[in-house]
């Protein structure tokens, strides 16, 4: 009887990101398994059974390396802080697919965020809302934070703006919440308002929300807040509920298992990186504000966004304002940097994108739902904005 692969799974399931990765891994195993998993129980025993035993110190690394060398396990899917830790733990050539923490893990298959673009998506989202003042919160030692903040700043610079930045370094022994709550509060107090704040994950974003409220700053009117990971329970626990950028974690989990399966068979995967990518902004109350100062343009934008599910035209928008066609055209382009028709198309494509990722609807059903003559028409419309067809978009970002 063929041996069933025995896999160590050391992925943090305490957050939605980790749980969704595991869901993707599970889907792969249900289709192509079976595999035996040494799950978190073993991980927690390794951490807590002996004082100081975890993969961040020498004792814990030695324990895990001994397990991997025992011949009782065949592969590992794991969070890993850095290259040094990986090399100390993993025997040479051992099948492994890793989620990096502080840096990309050299010499191993990684989950990679170089194409993620959450930072650019955040910047474009806030620019569309009309903000003029921007800020970002990150963690200096995090690979994910550094990449995300760089893309956020770059996008804003391309649009002629800069971002105030707060980078946590965790110099003291205080707990994350205690340390950051006071530091972020002091930082927010000094910045111009209304302010658009983007945090590299939902944990940081929640601290920003609470720090702003402690200063009696109104969220989102004075301080809008956006996070990353879209941990639904965590986002809705915030007051007001937190807007967040969703990522393709489930697809990444599936591809992690796929790469590991190739390694277990002694094959070198053609694609060595697994690319984590941003898919959409999930708007909630923490960013439900229109910061455009021109009231006629703000009225037009609000109408477009509230009615983008149907085939509205520029004439429909003009009926909502009290100024002439030419005046609205000029003011709209000056505020947003694009035409009224381009904004309509952008908002409709955003709605189509969400349907592609969150439903099983066919392209024909989506076309009918949003008032297009047929699937060919909606495909051309979508491709003119995204550069790829709806089918390609769904394949790229979703397991559906």
Protein backbone atom coordinates (compact mmCIF):
# COMPACT_ATOMS: atom_id res chain seq x y z
CA UNK A 1 0.00 0.00 0.00
CA UNK A 2 1.33 3.42 -0.97
CA UNK A 3 2.39 5.54 1.99
CA UNK A 4 0.09 8.46 2.72
CA UNK A 5 2.16 11.67 2.99
CA UNK A 6 2.57 12.93 6.55
CA UNK A 7 2.69 16.74 6.64
CA UNK A 8 3.47 19.19 9.43
CA UNK A 9 1.11 22.19 9.23
CA UNK A 10 2.39 25.22 11.17
CA UNK A 11 0.11 27.99 9.92
CA UNK A 12 -1.50 30.39 12.38
CA UNK A 13 -5.22 29.63 12.41
CA UNK A 14 -5.94 32.38 14.92
CA UNK A 15 -6.51 34.84 12.09
CA UNK A 16 -8.79 34.66 9.07
CA UNK A 17 -5.80 34.82 6.71
CA UNK A 18 -4.33 31.62 8.15
CA UNK A 19 -7.68 29.86 8.33
CA UNK A 20 -8.39 30.69 4.70
CA UNK A 21 -4.96 29.42 3.65
CA UNK A 22 -5.78 26.18 5.44
CA UNK A 23 -9.15 26.03 3.67
CA UNK A 24 -7.34 26.20 0.32
CA UNK A 25 -4.92 23.48 1.43
CA UNK A 26 -7.89 21.35 2.48
CA UNK A 27 -9.54 21.73 -0.92
CA UNK A 28 -6.39 20.50 -2.64
CA UNK A 29 -6.09 17.51 -0.33
CA UNK A 30 -9.75 16.56 -0.81
CA UNK A 31 -9.16 16.49 -4.55
CA UNK A 32 -5.67 14.98 -4.69
CA UNK A 33 -4.97 13.46 -1.25
CA UNK A 34 -5.21 11.93 1.19
CA UNK A 35 -2.55 13.41 3.46
CA UNK A 36 -2.04 12.99 7.18
CA UNK A 37 -1.51 16.30 8.99
CA UNK A 38 0.38 17.04 12.20
CA UNK A 39 -1.72 20.08 12.96
CA UNK A 40 -1.65 22.81 15.59
CA UNK A 41 -1.91 20.43 18.51
CA UNK A 42 1.65 19.30 17.83
CA UNK A 43 2.68 22.92 17.29
CA UNK A 44 1.26 24.03 20.64
CA UNK A 45 2.80 21.04 22.42
CA UNK A 46 6.15 21.98 20.92
CA UNK A 47 5.77 25.57 22.12
CA UNK A 48 4.32 24.99 25.57
CA UNK A 49 5.44 21.56 26.77
CA UNK A 50 8.90 22.83 27.71
CA UNK A 51 9.74 26.39 28.77
CA UNK A 52 10.92 28.52 25.86
CA UNK A 53 10.43 25.84 23.22
CA UNK A 54 9.35 27.57 20.00
CA UNK A 55 10.76 28.07 16.53
CA UNK A 56 11.98 31.56 17.38
CA UNK A 57 14.72 30.29 19.70
CA UNK A 58 17.46 27.69 19.56
CA UNK A 59 15.67 25.09 21.71
CA UNK A 60 12.49 25.14 19.65
CA UNK A 61 14.38 25.03 16.38
CA UNK A 62 16.31 21.99 17.53
CA UNK A 63 13.09 20.19 18.55
CA UNK A 64 11.43 20.82 15.20
CA UNK A 65 14.56 19.88 13.23
CA UNK A 66 14.73 16.59 15.14
CA UNK A 67 11.11 15.84 14.17
CA UNK A 68 11.84 16.60 10.51
CA UNK A 69 14.93 14.38 10.53
CA UNK A 70 13.13 11.46 12.16
CA UNK A 71 11.68 10.12 8.91
CA UNK A 72 8.19 10.21 10.42
CA UNK A 73 7.12 13.21 8.34
CA UNK A 74 7.41 13.92 4.62
CA UNK A 75 6.86 17.65 4.21
CA UNK A 76 5.97 20.92 5.90
CA UNK A 77 3.69 23.89 5.24
CA UNK A 78 4.67 26.60 7.69
CA UNK A 79 4.94 30.21 8.76
CA UNK A 80 8.65 30.99 8.98
CA UNK A 81 10.23 34.23 10.23
CA UNK A 82 13.39 34.40 8.12
CA UNK A 83 16.00 32.57 6.04
CA UNK A 84 18.29 31.89 9.01
CA UNK A 85 15.51 30.16 10.95
CA UNK A 86 14.50 28.10 7.92
CA UNK A 87 18.05 26.89 7.34
CA UNK A 88 18.48 25.97 11.00
CA UNK A 89 15.23 23.99 11.09
CA UNK A 90 14.82 22.40 7.66
CA UNK A 91 17.16 19.62 6.55
CA UNK A 92 18.72 20.19 3.13
CA UNK A 93 16.26 19.31 0.39
CA UNK A 94 13.35 18.71 2.76
CA UNK A 95 9.99 19.37 0.97
CA UNK A 96 8.73 22.70 2.31
CA UNK A 97 6.50 25.59 1.26
CA UNK A 98 6.80 28.61 3.55
CA UNK A 99 4.94 31.79 4.48
CA UNK A 100 7.68 34.35 5.25
CA UNK A 101 7.53 36.75 8.19
CA UNK A 102 10.45 39.19 8.41
CA UNK A 103 11.94 38.52 4.98
CA UNK A 104 11.60 36.36 1.90
CA UNK A 105 13.00 32.88 2.65
CA UNK A 106 15.88 32.36 0.22
CA UNK A 107 16.29 28.88 -1.27
CA UNK A 108 12.72 27.73 -0.55
CA UNK A 109 9.31 27.99 -2.15
CA UNK A 110 7.65 31.06 -0.64
CA UNK A 111 4.32 32.76 -0.55
CA UNK A 112 5.32 35.99 -2.25
CA UNK A 113 3.68 39.44 -2.03
CA UNK A 114 5.64 41.23 -4.75
CA UNK A 115 2.55 41.22 -7.01
CA UNK A 116 0.04 41.71 -4.22
CA UNK A 117 -0.57 45.44 -4.78
CA UNK A 118 -2.66 45.97 -1.65
CA UNK A 119 -0.85 49.27 -1.14
CA UNK A 120 -1.72 50.55 -4.61
CA UNK A 121 -5.33 49.41 -4.20
CA UNK A 122 -5.56 51.30 -0.89
CA UNK A 123 -4.08 54.47 -2.37
CA UNK A 124 -6.39 54.40 -5.40
CA UNK A 125 -9.39 53.76 -3.17
CA UNK A 126 -8.65 56.81 -1.02
CA UNK A 127 -7.83 58.98 -4.04
CA UNK A 128 -11.22 58.04 -5.50
CA UNK A 129 -12.87 59.20 -2.27
CA UNK A 130 -11.24 62.61 -2.76
CA UNK A 131 -8.81 62.70 0.18
CA UNK A 132 -5.86 65.09 0.14
CA UNK A 133 -4.09 63.93 3.33
CA UNK A 134 -2.81 60.35 3.67
CA UNK A 135 -1.09 58.27 6.32
CA UNK A 136 0.11 54.68 6.65
CA UNK A 137 0.85 52.37 9.59
CA UNK A 138 3.31 49.51 9.33
CA UNK A 139 5.69 47.23 11.17
CA UNK A 140 9.34 47.77 10.30
CA UNK A 141 10.33 44.10 10.74
CA UNK A 142 7.55 42.67 8.54
CA UNK A 143 8.26 41.71 4.93
CA UNK A 144 4.57 42.20 4.12
CA UNK A 145 4.47 45.64 5.70
CA UNK A 146 7.54 46.91 3.86
CA UNK A 147 6.28 45.81 0.44
CA UNK A 148 2.75 47.11 1.04
CA UNK A 149 3.83 50.52 2.36
CA UNK A 150 6.23 51.02 -0.53
CA UNK A 151 3.47 50.42 -3.11
CA UNK A 152 1.12 52.73 -1.17
CA UNK A 153 3.66 55.56 -1.14
CA UNK A 154 4.61 55.03 -4.78
CA UNK A 155 1.00 55.23 -5.98
CA UNK A 156 0.40 58.41 -4.01
CA UNK A 157 3.60 59.99 -5.33
CA UNK A 158 2.48 59.26 -8.89
CA UNK A 159 -0.70 61.21 -8.08
CA UNK A 160 1.27 64.12 -6.56
CA UNK A 161 0.77 63.26 -2.88
CA UNK A 162 2.86 62.07 0.06
CA UNK A 163 1.99 59.86 3.03
CA UNK A 164 2.77 60.36 6.70
CA UNK A 165 4.16 57.08 8.01
CA UNK A 166 4.19 55.37 11.39
CA UNK A 167 6.40 52.28 11.59
CA UNK A 168 6.20 50.19 14.73
CA UNK A 169 9.52 48.73 15.88
CA UNK A 170 8.47 47.07 19.17
CA UNK A 171 11.50 48.29 21.12
CA UNK A 172 9.94 47.83 24.54
CA UNK A 173 8.59 44.76 26.28
CA UNK A 174 5.03 46.12 26.34
CA UNK A 175 2.19 44.31 24.65
CA UNK A 176 1.44 45.35 21.06
CA UNK A 177 -1.89 47.03 21.90
CA UNK A 178 -0.58 49.02 24.88
CA UNK A 179 2.51 50.21 23.07
CA UNK A 180 0.87 51.13 19.78
CA UNK A 181 -2.33 52.66 21.15
CA UNK A 182 -0.45 55.53 22.79
CA UNK A 183 2.09 55.96 19.98
CA UNK A 184 -0.54 56.06 17.24
CA UNK A 185 -2.72 58.42 19.27
CA UNK A 186 0.14 60.91 19.59
CA UNK A 187 0.90 60.56 15.89
CA UNK A 188 -2.71 61.06 14.75
CA UNK A 189 -3.12 64.16 16.88
CA UNK A 190 -0.44 65.99 14.88
CA UNK A 191 -1.71 65.15 11.37
CA UNK A 192 -4.00 67.27 9.14
CA UNK A 193 -7.67 66.32 8.81
CA UNK A 194 -9.66 64.86 7.15
CA UNK A 195 -7.11 62.08 7.04
CA UNK A 196 -7.10 58.78 5.15
CA UNK A 197 -5.19 56.16 7.18
CA UNK A 198 -4.20 52.81 5.74
CA UNK A 199 -2.73 50.06 7.94
CA UNK A 200 -0.80 47.10 6.59
CA UNK A 201 -3.11 44.64 8.38
CA UNK A 202 -6.39 44.63 10.28
CA UNK A 203 -4.65 44.44 13.68
CA UNK A 204 -2.99 47.81 13.14
CA UNK A 205 -6.13 49.30 11.59
CA UNK A 206 -8.15 48.38 14.70
CA UNK A 207 -5.63 50.21 16.92
CA UNK A 208 -5.92 53.26 14.67
CA UNK A 209 -9.72 53.24 15.02
CA UNK A 210 -9.57 53.03 18.81
CA UNK A 211 -6.77 55.60 19.10
CA UNK A 212 -8.75 58.04 16.96
CA UNK A 213 -11.89 57.54 19.05
CA UNK A 214 -9.91 58.10 22.26
CA UNK A 215 -8.99 61.54 20.88
CA UNK A 216 -12.66 62.25 20.06
CA UNK A 217 -11.84 62.17 16.35
CA UNK A 218 -14.83 61.05 14.31
CA UNK A 219 -14.30 57.89 12.23
CA UNK A 220 -14.66 58.15 9.26
CA UNK A 221 -15.42 61.89 8.89
CA UNK A 222 -12.14 63.12 10.37
CA UNK A 223 -10.08 59.92 10.18
CA UNK A 224 -10.97 57.20 7.68
CA UNK A 225 -9.35 53.81 8.35
CA UNK A 226 -8.65 50.88 6.00
CA UNK A 227 -6.93 47.58 6.83
CA UNK A 228 -5.79 44.44 4.99
CA UNK A 229 -6.85 40.76 5.24
CA UNK A 230 -10.62 41.27 5.61
CA UNK A 231 -10.96 39.22 8.77
CA UNK A 232 -14.74 39.55 8.88
CA UNK A 233 -15.26 38.86 12.59
CA UNK A 234 -12.38 41.13 13.55
CA UNK A 235 -13.49 43.92 11.19
CA UNK A 236 -17.05 43.85 12.48
CA UNK A 237 -15.84 43.86 16.08
CA UNK A 238 -14.45 47.35 15.49
CA UNK A 239 -16.61 50.37 16.18
CA UNK A 240 -17.32 51.52 13.52
CA UNK A 241 -16.86 48.34 11.44
CA UNK A 242 -13.53 48.29 9.64
CA UNK A 243 -13.08 48.46 5.87
CA UNK A 244 -10.40 46.09 4.63
CA UNK A 245 -8.69 44.77 1.51
CA UNK A 246 -9.42 41.13 0.72
CA UNK A 247 -6.64 38.87 -0.57
CA UNK A 248 -6.71 35.58 -2.48
CA UNK A 249 -5.67 33.47 0.55
CA UNK A 250 -7.76 30.44 -0.39
CA UNK A 251 -6.19 30.16 -3.84
CA UNK A 252 -2.74 30.63 -2.29
CA UNK A 253 -3.40 27.78 0.18
CA UNK A 254 -4.42 25.52 -2.68
CA UNK A 255 -1.26 26.38 -4.63
CA UNK A 256 0.94 25.87 -1.56
CA UNK A 257 -0.36 22.31 -1.28
CA UNK A 258 0.04 21.84 -5.04
CA UNK A 259 3.71 22.90 -4.91
CA UNK A 260 4.36 20.66 -1.91
CA UNK A 261 2.78 17.70 -3.71
CA UNK A 262 5.24 18.19 -6.58
CA UNK A 263 8.16 18.28 -4.14
CA UNK A 264 6.94 15.10 -2.43
CA UNK A 265 7.09 13.35 -5.81
CA UNK A 266 10.67 14.52 -6.32
CA UNK A 267 9.74 17.08 -8.95
CA UNK A 268 10.91 20.67 -9.02
CA UNK A 269 7.84 22.90 -9.46
CA UNK A 270 7.84 24.98 -12.64
CA UNK A 271 6.56 27.94 -10.60
CA UNK A 272 8.53 28.33 -7.39
CA UNK A 273 6.66 31.30 -5.88
CA UNK A 274 3.02 31.33 -4.78
CA UNK A 275 1.69 34.83 -5.35
CA UNK A 276 -0.60 36.47 -2.81
CA UNK A 277 -2.69 39.19 -4.46
CA UNK A 278 -5.22 41.80 -3.42
CA UNK A 279 -8.65 41.22 -4.94
CA UNK A 280 -10.98 43.98 -3.72
CA UNK A 281 -11.71 46.61 -1.10
CA UNK A 282 -14.52 45.49 1.20
CA UNK A 283 -16.03 48.78 2.28
CA UNK A 284 -17.56 49.18 5.73
CA UNK A 285 -18.37 52.15 7.92
CA UNK A 286 -14.77 53.14 8.75
CA UNK A 287 -14.37 54.57 5.22
CA UNK A 288 -17.98 55.42 4.35
CA UNK A 289 -17.24 59.05 3.65
CA UNK A 290 -16.88 61.21 0.55
CA UNK A 291 -13.98 63.63 1.03
CA UNK A 292 -14.52 65.50 -2.25
CA UNK A 293 -14.93 69.18 -1.37
CA UNK A 294 -16.81 70.18 -4.54
CA UNK A 295 -20.48 69.50 -3.67
CA UNK A 296 -21.63 69.01 -7.28
CA UNK A 297 -18.85 66.53 -8.02
CA UNK A 298 -19.53 64.76 -4.71
CA UNK A 299 -23.22 64.47 -5.62
CA UNK A 300 -22.34 63.03 -9.03
CA UNK A 301 -19.90 60.51 -7.57
CA UNK A 302 -22.39 59.40 -4.94
CA UNK A 303 -25.06 58.85 -7.60
CA UNK A 304 -22.69 56.78 -9.76
CA UNK A 305 -21.60 54.57 -6.87
CA UNK A 306 -25.12 54.00 -5.62
CA UNK A 307 -26.44 53.12 -9.09
CA UNK A 308 -23.52 51.33 -10.75
CA UNK A 309 -25.42 48.02 -10.60
CA UNK A 310 -27.59 49.26 -13.50
CA UNK A 311 -26.59 50.60 -16.97
CA UNK A 312 -26.53 54.33 -16.14
CA UNK A 313 -25.24 56.87 -18.65
CA UNK A 314 -23.61 60.30 -18.38
CA UNK A 315 -27.02 61.90 -19.01
CA UNK A 316 -28.38 60.22 -15.86
CA UNK A 317 -25.55 61.77 -13.84
CA UNK A 318 -26.10 65.23 -15.32
CA UNK A 319 -29.69 65.18 -14.14
CA UNK A 320 -28.45 64.94 -10.53
CA UNK A 321 -26.51 68.21 -10.52
CA UNK A 322 -27.33 71.90 -10.91
CA UNK A 323 -24.41 72.92 -13.13
CA UNK A 324 -23.90 72.63 -16.88
CA UNK A 325 -22.49 69.62 -18.70
CA UNK A 326 -19.23 71.42 -19.48
CA UNK A 327 -18.79 72.66 -15.90
CA UNK A 328 -19.34 69.18 -14.45
CA UNK A 329 -16.98 67.62 -17.01
CA UNK A 330 -14.23 70.09 -16.13
CA UNK A 331 -14.69 69.90 -12.36
CA UNK A 332 -15.04 66.11 -12.36
CA UNK A 333 -11.81 65.65 -14.32
CA UNK A 334 -9.98 68.13 -12.10
CA UNK A 335 -11.04 66.35 -8.89
CA UNK A 336 -10.72 62.69 -9.92
CA UNK A 337 -8.40 62.87 -12.90
CA UNK A 338 -10.84 60.98 -15.14
CA UNK A 339 -14.08 61.55 -17.00
CA UNK A 340 -17.64 60.87 -15.84
CA UNK A 341 -17.97 57.95 -18.26
CA UNK A 342 -14.68 56.47 -17.01
CA UNK A 343 -15.95 56.63 -13.42
CA UNK A 344 -19.17 54.88 -14.41
CA UNK A 345 -17.21 52.15 -16.15
CA UNK A 346 -14.80 51.77 -13.20
CA UNK A 347 -17.61 51.39 -10.68
CA UNK A 348 -19.52 48.90 -12.83
CA UNK A 349 -16.39 46.82 -13.39
CA UNK A 350 -15.76 46.81 -9.61
CA UNK A 351 -19.22 45.34 -9.08
CA UNK A 352 -18.63 42.71 -11.77
CA UNK A 353 -15.29 41.83 -10.14
CA UNK A 354 -16.97 41.19 -6.80
CA UNK A 355 -19.55 38.92 -8.44
CA UNK A 356 -16.78 36.95 -10.15
CA UNK A 357 -15.01 36.35 -6.83
CA UNK A 358 -17.93 35.85 -4.47
CA UNK A 359 -20.57 34.00 -6.52
CA UNK A 360 -20.84 30.99 -8.83
CA UNK A 361 -22.78 33.03 -11.41
CA UNK A 362 -21.86 32.42 -15.04
CA UNK A 363 -20.71 35.34 -17.21
CA UNK A 364 -24.12 35.26 -18.91
CA UNK A 365 -25.88 35.51 -15.54
CA UNK A 366 -23.65 38.42 -14.50
CA UNK A 367 -24.37 40.18 -17.81
CA UNK A 368 -28.11 39.81 -17.26
CA UNK A 369 -27.91 40.90 -13.61
CA UNK A 370 -26.15 44.18 -14.43
CA UNK A 371 -27.99 45.11 -17.61
CA UNK A 372 -25.58 44.03 -20.36
CA UNK A 373 -26.93 42.62 -23.65
CA UNK A 374 -24.91 39.40 -23.28
CA UNK A 375 -21.70 37.72 -22.10
CA UNK A 376 -19.60 38.96 -25.05
CA UNK A 377 -20.55 42.55 -24.32
CA UNK A 378 -19.75 42.33 -20.59
CA UNK A 379 -16.44 40.60 -21.41
CA UNK A 380 -15.36 43.44 -23.72
CA UNK A 381 -16.49 46.03 -21.18
CA UNK A 382 -14.59 44.31 -18.35
CA UNK A 383 -11.43 43.77 -20.41
CA UNK A 384 -11.26 47.44 -21.40
CA UNK A 385 -10.63 48.27 -17.72
CA UNK A 386 -8.88 45.21 -16.27
CA UNK A 387 -6.90 44.15 -19.32
CA UNK A 388 -8.07 40.54 -18.94
CA UNK A 389 -11.37 38.76 -19.55
CA UNK A 390 -13.81 37.95 -16.73
CA UNK A 391 -12.93 34.26 -17.10
CA UNK A 392 -9.21 35.02 -16.74
CA UNK A 393 -9.88 37.27 -13.74
CA UNK A 394 -11.88 34.55 -11.97
CA UNK A 395 -9.19 31.96 -12.72
CA UNK A 396 -6.44 34.28 -11.45
CA UNK A 397 -8.01 35.29 -8.14
CA UNK A 398 -10.57 32.65 -7.14
CA UNK A 399 -10.87 28.92 -6.64
CA UNK A 400 -14.53 29.04 -7.69
